Amino acid sequence: MSSTPNRPYPPVLIRAGEAERLDLIGHVLLADSSATAGALTSHRVALGRGADGAVPHRHDHSSELFYILDGAFDLLVDDNIVTARTGDLLVVPPGAPHAFAAHHNSTAEALIIATPGIERFDYFRHVVRRRQGSEQPGLLLGLQDRFDTHFLDSPAWQRARAAA
């Protein structure tokens, strides 16, 4: 009799050439919650020099991990703005307001992991359609609970982005 426990899902391997690319927003979709039985959601983001990433928001049910692969990100965490550089790691707990953008004089690339997972790839597809003008501006407001992405106002982030 084997003492090996049953796995909740098979190992997940996403080949670089098979990952969905959303070039308009610099995202590469790696593993959504459905692929990992809810354990995590993962994507990579690459932004041009000083480019905006995510607007201020919070997740009520997941922590979000940012591992900086290259360059520098300005990140809102609560009311603080921090700059994270290559090799830095930031974990944002559930409920904490956060946002990100490439630092004003740098490109930026990060691996982002949410745990437990949020079935979220459709959220990013909505963002692309919105930026292309093929979706109504307010549509994502009605989907905040579905994607556990709740938009916030942040005067600190607005000041920081205006200064950049």
C-alpha atoms as a PDB file:
ATOM      1  CA  MET A   1       0.000   0.000   0.000  1.00  0.00           C
ATOM      2  CA  SER A   2       1.385   3.388  -1.001  1.00  0.00           C
ATOM      3  CA  SER A   3       1.651   6.195   1.517  1.00  0.00           C
ATOM      4  CA  THR A   4       1.725   8.830  -1.217  1.00  0.00           C
ATOM      5  CA  PRO A   5      -1.182  11.272  -0.722  1.00  0.00           C
ATOM      6  CA  ASN A   6      -3.514  12.013  -3.614  1.00  0.00           C
ATOM      7  CA  ARG A   7      -2.670  15.246  -5.361  1.00  0.00           C
ATOM      8  CA  PRO A   8      -5.440  17.868  -5.673  1.00  0.00           C
ATOM      9  CA  TYR A   9      -4.405  18.543  -9.309  1.00  0.00           C
ATOM     10  CA  PRO A  10      -1.756  17.258 -11.696  1.00  0.00           C
ATOM     11  CA  PRO A  11       1.508  19.196 -12.094  1.00  0.00           C
ATOM     12  CA  VAL A  12       1.025  22.246 -14.288  1.00  0.00           C
ATOM     13  CA  LEU A  13       3.589  23.092 -16.974  1.00  0.00           C
ATOM     14  CA  ILE A  14       2.920  26.122 -19.138  1.00  0.00           C
ATOM     15  CA  ARG A  15       5.317  26.316 -22.066  1.00  0.00           C
ATOM     16  CA  ALA A  16       6.422  29.861 -22.894  1.00  0.00           C
ATOM     17  CA  GLY A  17       5.292  29.555 -26.494  1.00  0.00           C
ATOM     18  CA  GLU A  18       1.842  28.312 -25.486  1.00  0.00           C
ATOM     19  CA  ALA A  19       0.989  30.975 -22.894  1.00  0.00           C
ATOM     20  CA  GLU A  20      -1.654  33.506 -23.934  1.00  0.00           C
ATOM     21  CA  ARG A  21      -0.132  36.917 -24.602  1.00  0.00           C
ATOM     22  CA  LEU A  22      -2.096  40.137 -24.127  1.00  0.00           C
ATOM     23  CA  ASP A  23       0.431  42.477 -25.708  1.00  0.00           C
ATOM     24  CA  LEU A  24      -1.742  45.580 -25.395  1.00  0.00           C
ATOM     25  CA  ILE A  25      -1.397  45.433 -21.591  1.00  0.00           C
ATOM     26  CA  GLY A  26       1.953  43.612 -21.435  1.00  0.00           C
ATOM     27  CA  HIS A  27       0.552  40.466 -19.792  1.00  0.00           C
ATOM     28  CA  VAL A  28       1.375  36.821 -20.350  1.00  0.00           C
ATOM     29  CA  LEU A  29      -1.274  34.561 -18.819  1.00  0.00           C
ATOM     30  CA  LEU A  30       0.373  31.554 -17.194  1.00  0.00           C
ATOM     31  CA  ALA A  31      -1.884  29.472 -14.913  1.00  0.00           C
ATOM     32  CA  ASP A  32      -5.409  30.423 -13.918  1.00  0.00           C
ATOM     33  CA  SER A  33      -7.158  29.115 -10.835  1.00  0.00           C
ATOM     34  CA  SER A  34      -8.937  26.376 -12.795  1.00  0.00           C
ATOM     35  CA  ALA A  35      -5.575  24.835 -13.778  1.00  0.00           C
ATOM     36  CA  THR A  36      -4.412  24.654 -10.161  1.00  0.00           C
ATOM     37  CA  ALA A  37      -7.633  23.574  -8.419  1.00  0.00           C
ATOM     38  CA  GLY A  38      -7.828  27.034  -6.856  1.00  0.00           C
ATOM     39  CA  ALA A  39      -4.305  27.008  -5.393  1.00  0.00           C
ATOM     40  CA  LEU A  40      -3.064  30.034  -7.322  1.00  0.00           C
ATOM     41  CA  THR A  41      -3.335  32.246 -10.365  1.00  0.00           C
ATOM     42  CA  SER A  42      -0.181  33.420 -12.121  1.00  0.00           C
ATOM     43  CA  HIS A  43       0.750  35.836 -14.877  1.00  0.00           C
ATOM     44  CA  ARG A  44       3.720  37.876 -15.969  1.00  0.00           C
ATOM     45  CA  VAL A  45       3.632  41.569 -16.791  1.00  0.00           C
ATOM     46  CA  ALA A  46       6.149  43.664 -18.723  1.00  0.00           C
ATOM     47  CA  LEU A  47       5.718  47.432 -18.940  1.00  0.00           C
ATOM     48  CA  GLY A  48       7.515  50.075 -20.957  1.00  0.00           C
ATOM     49  CA  ARG A  49       9.395  52.948 -19.340  1.00  0.00           C
ATOM     50  CA  GLY A  50       7.041  54.710 -16.900  1.00  0.00           C
ATOM     51  CA  ALA A  51       3.949  52.847 -18.185  1.00  0.00           C
ATOM     52  CA  ASP A  52       0.849  52.432 -16.052  1.00  0.00           C
ATOM     53  CA  GLY A  53       0.004  48.929 -14.855  1.00  0.00           C
ATOM     54  CA  ALA A  54      -2.931  48.292 -12.523  1.00  0.00           C
ATOM     55  CA  VAL A  55      -5.080  51.060 -11.065  1.00  0.00           C
ATOM     56  CA  PRO A  56      -5.633  51.125  -7.280  1.00  0.00           C
ATOM     57  CA  HIS A  57      -7.649  48.118  -6.149  1.00  0.00           C
ATOM     58  CA  ARG A  58      -7.860  45.439  -3.473  1.00  0.00           C
ATOM     59  CA  HIS A  59      -8.556  41.712  -3.344  1.00  0.00           C
ATOM     60  CA  ASP A  60     -10.696  40.570  -0.429  1.00  0.00           C
ATOM     61  CA  HIS A  61      -9.852  36.866  -0.634  1.00  0.00           C
ATOM     62  CA  SER A  62      -6.305  36.542  -1.992  1.00  0.00           C
ATOM     63  CA  SER A  63      -2.779  37.644  -1.281  1.00  0.00           C
ATOM     64  CA  GLU A  64      -0.886  38.914  -4.296  1.00  0.00           C
ATOM     65  CA  LEU A  65       2.830  38.298  -4.704  1.00  0.00           C
ATOM     66  CA  PHE A  66       5.026  40.443  -6.960  1.00  0.00           C
ATOM     67  CA  TYR A  67       8.485  39.136  -7.811  1.00  0.00           C
ATOM     68  CA  ILE A  68      10.416  41.720  -9.812  1.00  0.00           C
ATOM     69  CA  LEU A  69      12.189  40.011 -12.690  1.00  0.00           C
ATOM     70  CA  ASP A  70      13.696  43.127 -14.247  1.00  0.00           C
ATOM     71  CA  GLY A  71      13.648  46.899 -13.939  1.00  0.00           C
ATOM     72  CA  ALA A  72      11.735  48.857 -11.330  1.00  0.00           C
ATOM     73  CA  PHE A  73       8.093  49.089 -10.307  1.00  0.00           C
ATOM     74  CA  ASP A  74       6.415  51.834  -8.325  1.00  0.00           C
ATOM     75  CA  LEU A  75       3.882  50.107  -6.112  1.00  0.00           C
ATOM     76  CA  LEU A  76       1.099  51.495  -3.991  1.00  0.00           C
ATOM     77  CA  VAL A  77       0.644  49.515  -0.766  1.00  0.00           C
ATOM     78  CA  ASP A  78      -2.015  51.002   1.506  1.00  0.00           C
ATOM     79  CA  ASP A  79      -1.124  54.728   1.303  1.00  0.00           C
ATOM     80  CA  ASN A  80       2.601  54.201   0.740  1.00  0.00           C
ATOM     81  CA  ILE A  81       4.492  54.245  -2.541  1.00  0.00           C
ATOM     82  CA  VAL A  82       7.502  51.937  -2.708  1.00  0.00           C
ATOM     83  CA  THR A  83       9.909  51.245  -5.547  1.00  0.00           C
ATOM     84  CA  ALA A  84      10.769  47.580  -6.006  1.00  0.00           C
ATOM     85  CA  ARG A  85      13.695  46.567  -8.196  1.00  0.00           C
ATOM     86  CA  THR A  86      15.056  43.415  -9.814  1.00  0.00           C
ATOM     87  CA  GLY A  87      15.070  40.561  -7.307  1.00  0.00           C
ATOM     88  CA  ASP A  88      12.694  42.247  -4.833  1.00  0.00           C
ATOM     89  CA  LEU A  89       9.582  40.478  -3.584  1.00  0.00           C
ATOM     90  CA  LEU A  90       6.391  42.097  -2.313  1.00  0.00           C
ATOM     91  CA  VAL A  91       3.420  40.215  -0.872  1.00  0.00           C
ATOM     92  CA  VAL A  92       0.211  42.231  -0.530  1.00  0.00           C
ATOM     93  CA  PRO A  93      -2.262  40.710   1.958  1.00  0.00           C
ATOM     94  CA  PRO A  94      -6.001  40.465   1.307  1.00  0.00           C
ATOM     95  CA  GLY A  95      -7.806  43.770   1.717  1.00  0.00           C
ATOM     96  CA  ALA A  96      -4.736  45.974   1.224  1.00  0.00           C
ATOM     97  CA  PRO A  97      -5.073  48.696  -1.415  1.00  0.00           C
ATOM     98  CA  HIS A  98      -2.412  48.369  -4.103  1.00  0.00           C
ATOM     99  CA  ALA A  99      -1.485  49.414  -7.640  1.00  0.00           C
ATOM    100  CA  PHE A 100       1.593  49.243  -9.834  1.00  0.00           C
ATOM    101  CA  ALA A 101       3.366  51.000 -12.688  1.00  0.00           C
ATOM    102  CA  ALA A 102       6.834  51.002 -14.193  1.00  0.00           C
ATOM    103  CA  HIS A 103       9.111  53.508 -12.460  1.00  0.00           C
ATOM    104  CA  HIS A 104       9.352  56.763 -14.448  1.00  0.00           C
ATOM    105  CA  ASN A 105      12.867  56.045 -15.739  1.00  0.00           C
ATOM    106  CA  SER A 106      12.658  52.270 -16.089  1.00  0.00           C
ATOM    107  CA  THR A 107      10.959  49.423 -17.848  1.00  0.00           C
ATOM    108  CA  ALA A 108       9.594  46.765 -15.524  1.00  0.00           C
ATOM    109  CA  GLU A 109       8.834  43.050 -15.582  1.00  0.00           C
ATOM    110  CA  ALA A 110       7.318  40.965 -12.788  1.00  0.00           C
ATOM    111  CA  LEU A 111       5.862  37.580 -12.032  1.00  0.00           C
ATOM    112  CA  ILE A 112       2.549  38.001 -10.205  1.00  0.00           C
ATOM    113  CA  ILE A 113       0.903  35.217  -8.218  1.00  0.00           C
ATOM    114  CA  ALA A 114      -2.432  35.402  -6.387  1.00  0.00           C
ATOM    115  CA  THR A 115      -3.160  32.782  -3.741  1.00  0.00           C
ATOM    116  CA  PRO A 116      -5.577  31.254  -3.235  1.00  0.00           C
ATOM    117  CA  GLY A 117      -6.297  31.464  -6.915  1.00  0.00           C
ATOM    118  CA  ILE A 118      -8.844  33.732  -8.531  1.00  0.00           C
ATOM    119  CA  GLU A 119     -10.280  32.708 -11.893  1.00  0.00           C
ATOM    120  CA  ARG A 120      -9.053  35.943 -13.386  1.00  0.00           C
ATOM    121  CA  PHE A 121      -7.830  35.584 -16.957  1.00  0.00           C
ATOM    122  CA  ASP A 122     -11.191  36.822 -18.273  1.00  0.00           C
ATOM    123  CA  TYR A 123     -10.656  40.001 -16.232  1.00  0.00           C
ATOM    124  CA  PHE A 124      -7.483  40.760 -18.209  1.00  0.00           C
ATOM    125  CA  ARG A 125      -9.282  40.038 -21.477  1.00  0.00           C
ATOM    126  CA  HIS A 126     -11.971  42.556 -20.440  1.00  0.00           C
ATOM    127  CA  VAL A 127      -9.238  45.137 -19.763  1.00  0.00           C
ATOM    128  CA  VAL A 128      -7.846  44.607 -23.264  1.00  0.00           C
ATOM    129  CA  ARG A 129     -11.288  44.980 -24.873  1.00  0.00           C
ATOM    130  CA  ARG A 130     -11.922  48.127 -22.823  1.00  0.00           C
ATOM    131  CA  ARG A 131      -8.620  49.666 -23.947  1.00  0.00           C
ATOM    132  CA  GLN A 132      -9.430  48.757 -27.544  1.00  0.00           C
ATOM    133  CA  GLY A 133     -12.770  50.558 -27.155  1.00  0.00           C
ATOM    134  CA  SER A 134     -14.885  47.476 -27.852  1.00  0.00           C
ATOM    135  CA  GLU A 135     -16.318  47.305 -24.317  1.00  0.00           C
ATOM    136  CA  GLN A 136     -18.273  49.834 -22.277  1.00  0.00           C
ATOM    137  CA  PRO A 137     -16.231  51.852 -19.740  1.00  0.00           C
ATOM    138  CA  GLY A 138     -18.317  50.767 -16.722  1.00  0.00           C
ATOM    139  CA  LEU A 139     -18.520  47.045 -17.463  1.00  0.00           C
ATOM    140  CA  LEU A 140     -15.693  46.035 -15.091  1.00  0.00           C
ATOM    141  CA  LEU A 141     -17.375  47.903 -12.237  1.00  0.00           C
ATOM    142  CA  GLY A 142     -20.170  45.336 -12.352  1.00  0.00           C
ATOM    143  CA  LEU A 143     -17.683  42.446 -12.312  1.00  0.00           C
ATOM    144  CA  GLN A 144     -15.670  43.407  -9.237  1.00  0.00           C
ATOM    145  CA  ASP A 145     -17.049  40.596  -7.054  1.00  0.00           C
ATOM    146  CA  ARG A 146     -16.618  37.971  -9.785  1.00  0.00           C
ATOM    147  CA  PHE A 147     -12.912  38.758 -10.161  1.00  0.00           C
ATOM    148  CA  ASP A 148     -12.290  39.816  -6.531  1.00  0.00           C
ATOM    149  CA  THR A 149     -10.840  43.045  -7.887  1.00  0.00           C
ATOM    150  CA  HIS A 150     -12.404  46.038  -6.155  1.00  0.00           C
ATOM    151  CA  PHE A 151     -11.415  49.439  -7.529  1.00  0.00           C
ATOM    152  CA  LEU A 152     -10.410  52.228  -5.132  1.00  0.00           C
ATOM    153  CA  ASP A 153      -9.571  55.905  -5.163  1.00  0.00           C
ATOM    154  CA  SER A 154      -6.061  56.680  -3.943  1.00  0.00           C
ATOM    155  CA  PRO A 155      -4.948  60.307  -3.667  1.00  0.00           C
ATOM    156  CA  ALA A 156      -1.434  59.054  -2.783  1.00  0.00           C
ATOM    157  CA  TRP A 157      -1.239  57.072  -6.049  1.00  0.00           C
ATOM    158  CA  GLN A 158      -2.660  59.969  -8.090  1.00  0.00           C
ATOM    159  CA  ARG A 159      -0.019  62.335  -6.631  1.00  0.00           C
ATOM    160  CA  ALA A 160       2.791  59.853  -7.254  1.00  0.00           C
ATOM    161  CA  ARG A 161       1.768  59.204 -10.880  1.00  0.00           C
ATOM    162  CA  ALA A 162       1.324  62.940 -11.553  1.00  0.00           C
ATOM    163  CA  ALA A 163       4.828  63.608 -10.204  1.00  0.00           C
ATOM    164  CA  ALA A 164       6.316  60.884 -12.417  1.00  0.00           C
END
